[in-house]
PDB file of N, CA and C in Angstrom:
ATOM      1  N   MET A   1      20.784 -21.256  14.647  1.00  0.00           N
ATOM      2  CA  MET A   1      21.564 -20.941  15.817  1.00  0.00           C
ATOM      3  C   MET A   1      22.513 -22.087  16.159  1.00  0.00           C
ATOM      4  N   CYS A   2      22.046 -23.311  16.007  1.00  0.00           N
ATOM      5  CA  CYS A   2      22.903 -24.447  16.362  1.00  0.00           C
ATOM      6  C   CYS A   2      24.124 -24.514  15.450  1.00  0.00           C
ATOM      7  N   ILE A   3      23.910 -24.323  14.161  1.00  0.00           N
ATOM      8  CA  ILE A   3      25.026 -24.359  13.212  1.00  0.00           C
ATOM      9  C   ILE A   3      25.976 -23.208  13.489  1.00  0.00           C
ATOM     10  N   LEU A   4      25.435 -22.045  13.782  1.00  0.00           N
ATOM     11  CA  LEU A   4      26.275 -20.890  14.079  1.00  0.00           C
ATOM     12  C   LEU A   4      27.049 -21.085  15.385  1.00  0.00           C
ATOM     13  N   ALA A   5      26.455 -21.746  16.351  1.00  0.00           N
ATOM     14  CA  ALA A   5      27.156 -22.021  17.610  1.00  0.00           C
ATOM     15  C   ALA A   5      28.334 -22.960  17.367  1.00  0.00           C
ATOM     16  N   ILE A   6      28.146 -23.961  16.527  1.00  0.00           N
ATOM     17  CA  ILE A   6      29.241 -24.887  16.221  1.00  0.00           C
ATOM     18  C   ILE A   6      30.339 -24.176  15.438  1.00  0.00           C
ATOM     19  N   ALA A   7      29.933 -23.380  14.433  1.00  0.00           N
ATOM     20  CA  ALA A   7      30.920 -22.638  13.649  1.00  0.00           C
ATOM     21  C   ALA A   7      31.640 -21.610  14.523  1.00  0.00           C
ATOM     22  N   GLY A   8      30.916 -20.964  15.414  1.00  0.00           N
ATOM     23  CA  GLY A   8      31.527 -19.983  16.308  1.00  0.00           C
ATOM     24  C   GLY A   8      32.482 -20.617  17.303  1.00  0.00           C
ATOM     25  N   SER A   9      32.153 -21.819  17.784  1.00  0.00           N
ATOM     26  CA  SER A   9      33.053 -22.473  18.740  1.00  0.00           C
ATOM     27  C   SER A   9      34.356 -22.892  18.076  1.00  0.00           C
ATOM     28  N   SER A  10      34.318 -23.170  16.789  1.00  0.00           N
ATOM     29  CA  SER A  10      35.567 -23.505  16.099  1.00  0.00           C
ATOM     30  C   SER A  10      36.400 -22.254  15.823  1.00  0.00           C
ATOM     31  N   MET A  11      35.779 -21.080  15.910  1.00  0.00           N
ATOM     32  CA  MET A  11      36.481 -19.816  15.687  1.00  0.00           C
ATOM     33  C   MET A  11      36.616 -19.027  16.990  1.00  0.00           C
ATOM     34  N   SER A  12      36.619 -19.697  18.111  1.00  0.00           N
ATOM     35  CA  SER A  12      36.594 -18.997  19.396  1.00  0.00           C
ATOM     36  C   SER A  12      37.817 -18.112  19.611  1.00  0.00           C
ATOM     37  N   ASP A  13      38.959 -18.487  19.051  1.00  0.00           N
ATOM     38  CA  ASP A  13      40.147 -17.644  19.212  1.00  0.00           C
ATOM     39  C   ASP A  13      39.985 -16.308  18.501  1.00  0.00           C
ATOM     40  N   GLN A  14      39.410 -16.332  17.298  1.00  0.00           N
ATOM     41  CA  GLN A  14      39.220 -15.095  16.545  1.00  0.00           C
ATOM     42  C   GLN A  14      38.097 -14.243  17.140  1.00  0.00           C
ATOM     43  N   LEU A  15      37.115 -14.865  17.759  1.00  0.00           N
ATOM     44  CA  LEU A  15      35.976 -14.139  18.319  1.00  0.00           C
ATOM     45  C   LEU A  15      36.221 -13.637  19.741  1.00  0.00           C
ATOM     46  N   ALA A  16      37.311 -14.044  20.351  1.00  0.00           N
ATOM     47  CA  ALA A  16      37.570 -13.669  21.748  1.00  0.00           C
ATOM     48  C   ALA A  16      37.661 -12.163  21.926  1.00  0.00           C
ATOM     49  N   SER A  17      38.243 -11.474  20.960  1.00  0.00           N
ATOM     50  CA  SER A  17      38.368 -10.019  21.105  1.00  0.00           C
ATOM     51  C   SER A  17      37.032  -9.299  20.950  1.00  0.00           C
ATOM     52  N   TYR A  18      36.045  -9.965  20.355  1.00  0.00           N
ATOM     53  CA  TYR A  18      34.714  -9.364  20.169  1.00  0.00           C
ATOM     54  C   TYR A  18      33.725  -9.780  21.244  1.00  0.00           C
ATOM     55  N   GLY A  19      34.121 -10.592  22.185  1.00  0.00           N
ATOM     56  CA  GLY A  19      33.228 -11.019  23.254  1.00  0.00           C
ATOM     57  C   GLY A  19      32.921 -12.492  23.243  1.00  0.00           C
ATOM     58  N   GLY A  20      33.447 -13.218  22.279  1.00  0.00           N
ATOM     59  CA  GLY A  20      33.273 -14.667  22.241  1.00  0.00           C
ATOM     60  C   GLY A  20      32.039 -15.108  21.467  1.00  0.00           C
ATOM     61  N   VAL A  21      31.783 -16.392  21.589  1.00  0.00           N
ATOM     62  CA  VAL A  21      30.680 -17.015  20.861  1.00  0.00           C
ATOM     63  C   VAL A  21      29.335 -16.518  21.373  1.00  0.00           C
ATOM     64  N   SER A  22      29.227 -16.270  22.660  1.00  0.00           N
ATOM     65  CA  SER A  22      27.943 -15.814  23.211  1.00  0.00           C
ATOM     66  C   SER A  22      27.540 -14.469  22.621  1.00  0.00           C
ATOM     67  N   THR A  23      28.496 -13.580  22.418  1.00  0.00           N
ATOM     68  CA  THR A  23      28.183 -12.289  21.807  1.00  0.00           C
ATOM     69  C   THR A  23      27.705 -12.473  20.380  1.00  0.00           C
ATOM     70  N   LEU A  24      28.328 -13.392  19.657  1.00  0.00           N
ATOM     71  CA  LEU A  24      27.903 -13.691  18.287  1.00  0.00           C
ATOM     72  C   LEU A  24      26.470 -14.200  18.262  1.00  0.00           C
ATOM     73  N   LEU A  25      26.140 -15.118  19.153  1.00  0.00           N
ATOM     74  CA  LEU A  25      24.792 -15.693  19.176  1.00  0.00           C
ATOM     75  C   LEU A  25      23.743 -14.668  19.610  1.00  0.00           C
ATOM     76  N   ILE A  26      24.088 -13.814  20.540  1.00  0.00           N
ATOM     77  CA  ILE A  26      23.147 -12.777  20.970  1.00  0.00           C
ATOM     78  C   ILE A  26      22.927 -11.776  19.849  1.00  0.00           C
ATOM     79  N   GLY A  27      23.980 -11.447  19.123  1.00  0.00           N
ATOM     80  CA  GLY A  27      23.839 -10.552  17.970  1.00  0.00           C
ATOM     81  C   GLY A  27      22.925 -11.119  16.906  1.00  0.00           C
ATOM     82  N   VAL A  28      23.034 -12.405  16.644  1.00  0.00           N
ATOM     83  CA  VAL A  28      22.158 -13.051  15.667  1.00  0.00           C
ATOM     84  C   VAL A  28      20.717 -13.063  16.164  1.00  0.00           C
ATOM     85  N   ALA A  29      20.514 -13.290  17.456  1.00  0.00           N
ATOM     86  CA  ALA A  29      19.155 -13.274  18.016  1.00  0.00           C
ATOM     87  C   ALA A  29      18.528 -11.890  17.896  1.00  0.00           C
ATOM     88  N   ILE A  30      19.315 -10.840  18.131  1.00  0.00           N
ATOM     89  CA  ILE A  30      18.795  -9.475  18.011  1.00  0.00           C
ATOM     90  C   ILE A  30      18.439  -9.176  16.564  1.00  0.00           C
ATOM     91  N   CYS A  31      19.310  -9.562  15.644  1.00  0.00           N
ATOM     92  CA  CYS A  31      19.026  -9.327  14.219  1.00  0.00           C
ATOM     93  C   CYS A  31      17.799 -10.103  13.767  1.00  0.00           C
ATOM     94  N   SER A  32      17.606 -11.303  14.289  1.00  0.00           N
ATOM     95  CA  SER A  32      16.428 -12.088  13.927  1.00  0.00           C
ATOM     96  C   SER A  32      15.147 -11.446  14.427  1.00  0.00           C
ATOM     97  N   SER A  33      15.184 -10.881  15.622  1.00  0.00           N
ATOM     98  CA  SER A  33      13.980 -10.256  16.144  1.00  0.00           C
ATOM     99  C   SER A  33      13.667  -8.945  15.432  1.00  0.00           C
ATOM    100  N   VAL A  34      14.688  -8.247  14.954  1.00  0.00           N
ATOM    101  CA  VAL A  34      14.448  -7.023  14.194  1.00  0.00           C
ATOM    102  C   VAL A  34      13.821  -7.358  12.836  1.00  0.00           C
ATOM    103  N   ALA A  35      14.095  -8.533  12.308  1.00  0.00           N
ATOM    104  CA  ALA A  35      13.539  -8.933  11.020  1.00  0.00           C
ATOM    105  C   ALA A  35      12.034  -9.178  11.085  1.00  0.00           C
ATOM    106  N   MET A  36      11.449  -9.171  12.266  1.00  0.00           N
ATOM    107  CA  MET A  36      10.011  -9.409  12.399  1.00  0.00           C
ATOM    108  C   MET A  36       9.171  -8.245  11.882  1.00  0.00           C
ATOM    109  N   VAL A  37       9.781  -7.149  11.493  1.00  0.00           N
ATOM    110  CA  VAL A  37       9.021  -6.028  10.961  1.00  0.00           C
ATOM    111  C   VAL A  37       8.756  -6.178   9.462  1.00  0.00           C
ATOM    112  N   LEU A  38       9.263  -7.224   8.857  1.00  0.00           N
ATOM    113  CA  LEU A  38       9.001  -7.447   7.433  1.00  0.00           C
ATOM    114  C   LEU A  38       7.538  -7.809   7.210  1.00  0.00           C
ATOM    115  N   PRO A  39       6.982  -7.523   6.034  1.00  0.00           N
ATOM    116  CA  PRO A  39       5.537  -7.731   5.848  1.00  0.00           C
ATOM    117  C   PRO A  39       5.099  -9.189   5.911  1.00  0.00           C
ATOM    118  N   ILE A  40       5.963 -10.126   5.614  1.00  0.00           N
ATOM    119  CA  ILE A  40       5.537 -11.520   5.636  1.00  0.00           C
ATOM    120  C   ILE A  40       6.129 -12.288   6.811  1.00  0.00           C
ATOM    121  N   SER A  41       6.697 -11.590   7.783  1.00  0.00           N
ATOM    122  CA  SER A  41       7.377 -12.267   8.884  1.00  0.00           C
ATOM    123  C   SER A  41       6.417 -12.836   9.922  1.00  0.00           C
ATOM    124  N   THR A  42       5.296 -12.213  10.124  1.00  0.00           N
ATOM    125  CA  THR A  42       4.312 -12.698  11.089  1.00  0.00           C
ATOM    126  C   THR A  42       2.938 -12.700  10.445  1.00  0.00           C
ATOM    127  N   PRO A  43       2.032 -13.541  10.902  1.00  0.00           N
ATOM    128  CA  PRO A  43       0.686 -13.560  10.319  1.00  0.00           C
ATOM    129  C   PRO A  43      -0.051 -12.223  10.392  1.00  0.00           C
ATOM    130  N   PRO A  44       0.010 -11.455  11.498  1.00  0.00           N
ATOM    131  CA  PRO A  44      -0.673 -10.160  11.486  1.00  0.00           C
ATOM    132  C   PRO A  44      -0.134  -9.204  10.428  1.00  0.00           C
ATOM    133  N   ASN A  45       1.189  -9.199  10.246  1.00  0.00           N
ATOM    134  CA  ASN A  45       1.762  -8.344   9.212  1.00  0.00           C
ATOM    135  C   ASN A  45       1.342  -8.799   7.826  1.00  0.00           C
ATOM    136  N   ALA A  46       1.319 -10.096   7.607  1.00  0.00           N
ATOM    137  CA  ALA A  46       0.920 -10.626   6.302  1.00  0.00           C
ATOM    138  C   ALA A  46      -0.550 -10.320   6.022  1.00  0.00           C
ATOM    139  N   LEU A  47      -1.399 -10.431   7.040  1.00  0.00           N
ATOM    140  CA  LEU A  47      -2.824 -10.115   6.852  1.00  0.00           C
ATOM    141  C   LEU A  47      -3.036  -8.636   6.580  1.00  0.00           C
ATOM    142  N   ALA A  48      -2.335  -7.787   7.305  1.00  0.00           N
ATOM    143  CA  ALA A  48      -2.469  -6.348   7.077  1.00  0.00           C
ATOM    144  C   ALA A  48      -1.992  -5.977   5.685  1.00  0.00           C
ATOM    145  N   ASP A  49      -0.962  -6.646   5.221  1.00  0.00           N
ATOM    146  CA  ASP A  49      -0.443  -6.376   3.890  1.00  0.00           C
ATOM    147  C   ASP A  49      -1.388  -6.911   2.811  1.00  0.00           C
ATOM    148  N   ALA A  50      -1.970  -8.086   3.045  1.00  0.00           N
ATOM    149  CA  ALA A  50      -2.814  -8.723   2.038  1.00  0.00           C
ATOM    150  C   ALA A  50      -4.175  -8.049   1.900  1.00  0.00           C
ATOM    151  N   THR A  51      -4.709  -7.493   2.979  1.00  0.00           N
ATOM    152  CA  THR A  51      -6.041  -6.893   2.895  1.00  0.00           C
ATOM    153  C   THR A  51      -6.042  -5.594   2.117  1.00  0.00           C
ATOM    154  N   GLY A  52      -4.935  -4.872   2.164  1.00  0.00           N
ATOM    155  CA  GLY A  52      -4.859  -3.615   1.435  1.00  0.00           C
ATOM    156  C   GLY A  52      -5.452  -2.429   2.175  1.00  0.00           C
ATOM    157  N   PHE A  53      -5.914  -2.635   3.404  1.00  0.00           N
ATOM    158  CA  PHE A  53      -6.474  -1.521   4.177  1.00  0.00           C
ATOM    159  C   PHE A  53      -5.385  -0.545   4.626  1.00  0.00           C
ATOM    160  N   ILE A  54      -4.195  -1.054   4.797  1.00  0.00           N
ATOM    161  CA  ILE A  54      -3.065  -0.215   5.177  1.00  0.00           C
ATOM    162  C   ILE A  54      -2.161  -0.090   3.958  1.00  0.00           C
ATOM    163  N   GLU A  55      -1.851   1.121   3.590  1.00  0.00           N
ATOM    164  CA  GLU A  55      -1.039   1.333   2.404  1.00  0.00           C
ATOM    165  C   GLU A  55       0.416   0.954   2.666  1.00  0.00           C
ATOM    166  N   GLN A  56       1.079   0.535   1.598  1.00  0.00           N
ATOM    167  CA  GLN A  56       2.465   0.102   1.689  1.00  0.00           C
ATOM    168  C   GLN A  56       3.382   1.199   2.208  1.00  0.00           C
ATOM    169  N   LYS A  57       3.128   2.445   1.833  1.00  0.00           N
ATOM    170  CA  LYS A  57       4.035   3.511   2.257  1.00  0.00           C
ATOM    171  C   LYS A  57       4.026   3.700   3.765  1.00  0.00           C
ATOM    172  N   TYR A  58       2.879   3.476   4.411  1.00  0.00           N
ATOM    173  CA  TYR A  58       2.817   3.605   5.865  1.00  0.00           C
ATOM    174  C   TYR A  58       3.516   2.430   6.542  1.00  0.00           C
ATOM    175  N   MET A  59       3.331   1.247   5.984  1.00  0.00           N
ATOM    176  CA  MET A  59       4.012   0.076   6.538  1.00  0.00           C
ATOM    177  C   MET A  59       5.515   0.200   6.352  1.00  0.00           C
ATOM    178  N   LEU A  60       5.946   0.694   5.208  1.00  0.00           N
ATOM    179  CA  LEU A  60       7.369   0.836   4.940  1.00  0.00           C
ATOM    180  C   LEU A  60       8.019   1.840   5.884  1.00  0.00           C
ATOM    181  N   LYS A  61       7.333   2.954   6.101  1.00  0.00           N
ATOM    182  CA  LYS A  61       7.871   3.980   6.998  1.00  0.00           C
ATOM    183  C   LYS A  61       8.025   3.433   8.419  1.00  0.00           C
ATOM    184  N   THR A  62       7.014   2.751   8.892  1.00  0.00           N
ATOM    185  CA  THR A  62       7.061   2.182  10.234  1.00  0.00           C
ATOM    186  C   THR A  62       8.136   1.108  10.335  1.00  0.00           C
ATOM    187  N   ARG A  63       8.234   0.262   9.303  1.00  0.00           N
ATOM    188  CA  ARG A  63       9.247  -0.797   9.316  1.00  0.00           C
ATOM    189  C   ARG A  63      10.652  -0.227   9.336  1.00  0.00           C
ATOM    190  N   LEU A  64      10.891   0.811   8.568  1.00  0.00           N
ATOM    191  CA  LEU A  64      12.222   1.408   8.547  1.00  0.00           C
ATOM    192  C   LEU A  64      12.589   2.011   9.894  1.00  0.00           C
ATOM    193  N   ILE A  65      11.653   2.718  10.495  1.00  0.00           N
ATOM    194  CA  ILE A  65      11.913   3.329  11.802  1.00  0.00           C
ATOM    195  C   ILE A  65      12.171   2.247  12.852  1.00  0.00           C
ATOM    196  N   MET A  66      11.311   1.248  12.898  1.00  0.00           N
ATOM    197  CA  MET A  66      11.461   0.183  13.887  1.00  0.00           C
ATOM    198  C   MET A  66      12.715  -0.648  13.635  1.00  0.00           C
ATOM    199  N   GLY A  67      12.990  -0.961  12.391  1.00  0.00           N
ATOM    200  CA  GLY A  67      14.152  -1.773  12.061  1.00  0.00           C
ATOM    201  C   GLY A  67      15.452  -1.073  12.392  1.00  0.00           C
ATOM    202  N   LEU A  68      15.575   0.177  12.007  1.00  0.00           N
ATOM    203  CA  LEU A  68      16.809   0.917  12.287  1.00  0.00           C
ATOM    204  C   LEU A  68      16.993   1.170  13.780  1.00  0.00           C
ATOM    205  N   THR A  69      15.899   1.474  14.475  1.00  0.00           N
ATOM    206  CA  THR A  69      15.981   1.682  15.925  1.00  0.00           C
ATOM    207  C   THR A  69      16.386   0.392  16.631  1.00  0.00           C
ATOM    208  N   GLY A  70      15.771  -0.708  16.244  1.00  0.00           N
ATOM    209  CA  GLY A  70      16.114  -1.994  16.855  1.00  0.00           C
ATOM    210  C   GLY A  70      17.538  -2.416  16.569  1.00  0.00           C
ATOM    211  N   LEU A  71      17.989  -2.187  15.347  1.00  0.00           N
ATOM    212  CA  LEU A  71      19.356  -2.536  14.984  1.00  0.00           C
ATOM    213  C   LEU A  71      20.360  -1.693  15.761  1.00  0.00           C
ATOM    214  N   LEU A  72      20.096  -0.408  15.867  1.00  0.00           N
ATOM    215  CA  LEU A  72      20.986   0.487  16.598  1.00  0.00           C
ATOM    216  C   LEU A  72      21.030   0.120  18.084  1.00  0.00           C
ATOM    217  N   LEU A  73      19.875  -0.103  18.680  1.00  0.00           N
ATOM    218  CA  LEU A  73      19.844  -0.473  20.097  1.00  0.00           C
ATOM    219  C   LEU A  73      20.511  -1.823  20.338  1.00  0.00           C
ATOM    220  N   GLY A  74      20.298  -2.751  19.422  1.00  0.00           N
ATOM    221  CA  GLY A  74      20.926  -4.064  19.556  1.00  0.00           C
ATOM    222  C   GLY A  74      22.436  -3.987  19.538  1.00  0.00           C
ATOM    223  N   TYR A  75      22.986  -3.241  18.594  1.00  0.00           N
ATOM    224  CA  TYR A  75      24.428  -3.105  18.534  1.00  0.00           C
ATOM    225  C   TYR A  75      24.981  -2.340  19.735  1.00  0.00           C
ATOM    226  N   LEU A  76      24.261  -1.339  20.202  1.00  0.00           N
ATOM    227  CA  LEU A  76      24.716  -0.610  21.388  1.00  0.00           C
ATOM    228  C   LEU A  76      24.747  -1.510  22.619  1.00  0.00           C
ATOM    229  N   VAL A  77      23.756  -2.379  22.748  1.00  0.00           N
ATOM    230  CA  VAL A  77      23.742  -3.321  23.872  1.00  0.00           C
ATOM    231  C   VAL A  77      24.917  -4.280  23.759  1.00  0.00           C
ATOM    232  N   LEU A  78      25.185  -4.785  22.550  1.00  0.00           N
ATOM    233  CA  LEU A  78      26.315  -5.698  22.373  1.00  0.00           C
ATOM    234  C   LEU A  78      27.646  -5.015  22.686  1.00  0.00           C
ATOM    235  N   ILE A  79      27.804  -3.791  22.226  1.00  0.00           N
ATOM    236  CA  ILE A  79      29.048  -3.064  22.499  1.00  0.00           C
ATOM    237  C   ILE A  79      29.203  -2.798  23.992  1.00  0.00           C
ATOM    238  N   PHE A  80      28.125  -2.358  24.642  1.00  0.00           N
ATOM    239  CA  PHE A  80      28.167  -2.084  26.079  1.00  0.00           C
ATOM    240  C   PHE A  80      28.497  -3.346  26.869  1.00  0.00           C
ATOM    241  N   CYS A  81      27.831  -4.445  26.544  1.00  0.00           N
ATOM    242  CA  CYS A  81      28.069  -5.689  27.278  1.00  0.00           C
ATOM    243  C   CYS A  81      29.455  -6.244  26.977  1.00  0.00           C
ATOM    244  N   GLY A  82      29.929  -6.084  25.738  1.00  0.00           N
ATOM    245  CA  GLY A  82      31.264  -6.557  25.411  1.00  0.00           C
ATOM    246  C   GLY A  82      32.351  -5.766  26.114  1.00  0.00           C
ATOM    247  N   ILE A  83      32.183  -4.460  26.223  1.00  0.00           N
ATOM    248  CA  ILE A  83      33.172  -3.612  26.902  1.00  0.00           C
ATOM    249  C   ILE A  83      33.221  -3.917  28.390  1.00  0.00           C
ATOM    250  N   ASN A  84      32.047  -4.130  28.988  1.00  0.00           N
ATOM    251  CA  ASN A  84      31.978  -4.361  30.435  1.00  0.00           C
ATOM    252  C   ASN A  84      32.138  -5.825  30.823  1.00  0.00           C
ATOM    253  N   GLY A  85      32.311  -6.705  29.851  1.00  0.00           N
ATOM    254  CA  GLY A  85      32.535  -8.121  30.146  1.00  0.00           C
ATOM    255  C   GLY A  85      31.334  -8.829  30.733  1.00  0.00           C
ATOM    256  N   ILE A  86      30.149  -8.426  30.333  1.00  0.00           N
ATOM    257  CA  ILE A  86      28.930  -9.022  30.897  1.00  0.00           C
ATOM    258  C   ILE A  86      28.689 -10.428  30.334  1.00  0.00           C
ATOM    259  N   PHE A  87      29.044 -10.647  29.080  1.00  0.00           N
ATOM    260  CA  PHE A  87      28.816 -11.975  28.491  1.00  0.00           C
ATOM    261  C   PHE A  87      29.940 -12.890  28.838  1.00  0.00           C
TER     262      PHE A  87
END
């Protein structure tokens, strides 16, 4: 985030039409939190995957639903806040 904030501040003129640097950083935070549905992203997910009690197809289905829903909601929030000038 720190490196992206520095890179974004140097590109503030190009990012102004998209909501500025804050919108960029919030978008990265949303994408990072959606990545938590990966099997090795958190210890509970890694344990569930390693034990084999839960089959991969069920984990994959849930991850896809959660990931796509989170990504869609995240982008909708960014678009809504950017249009209304909240950031």
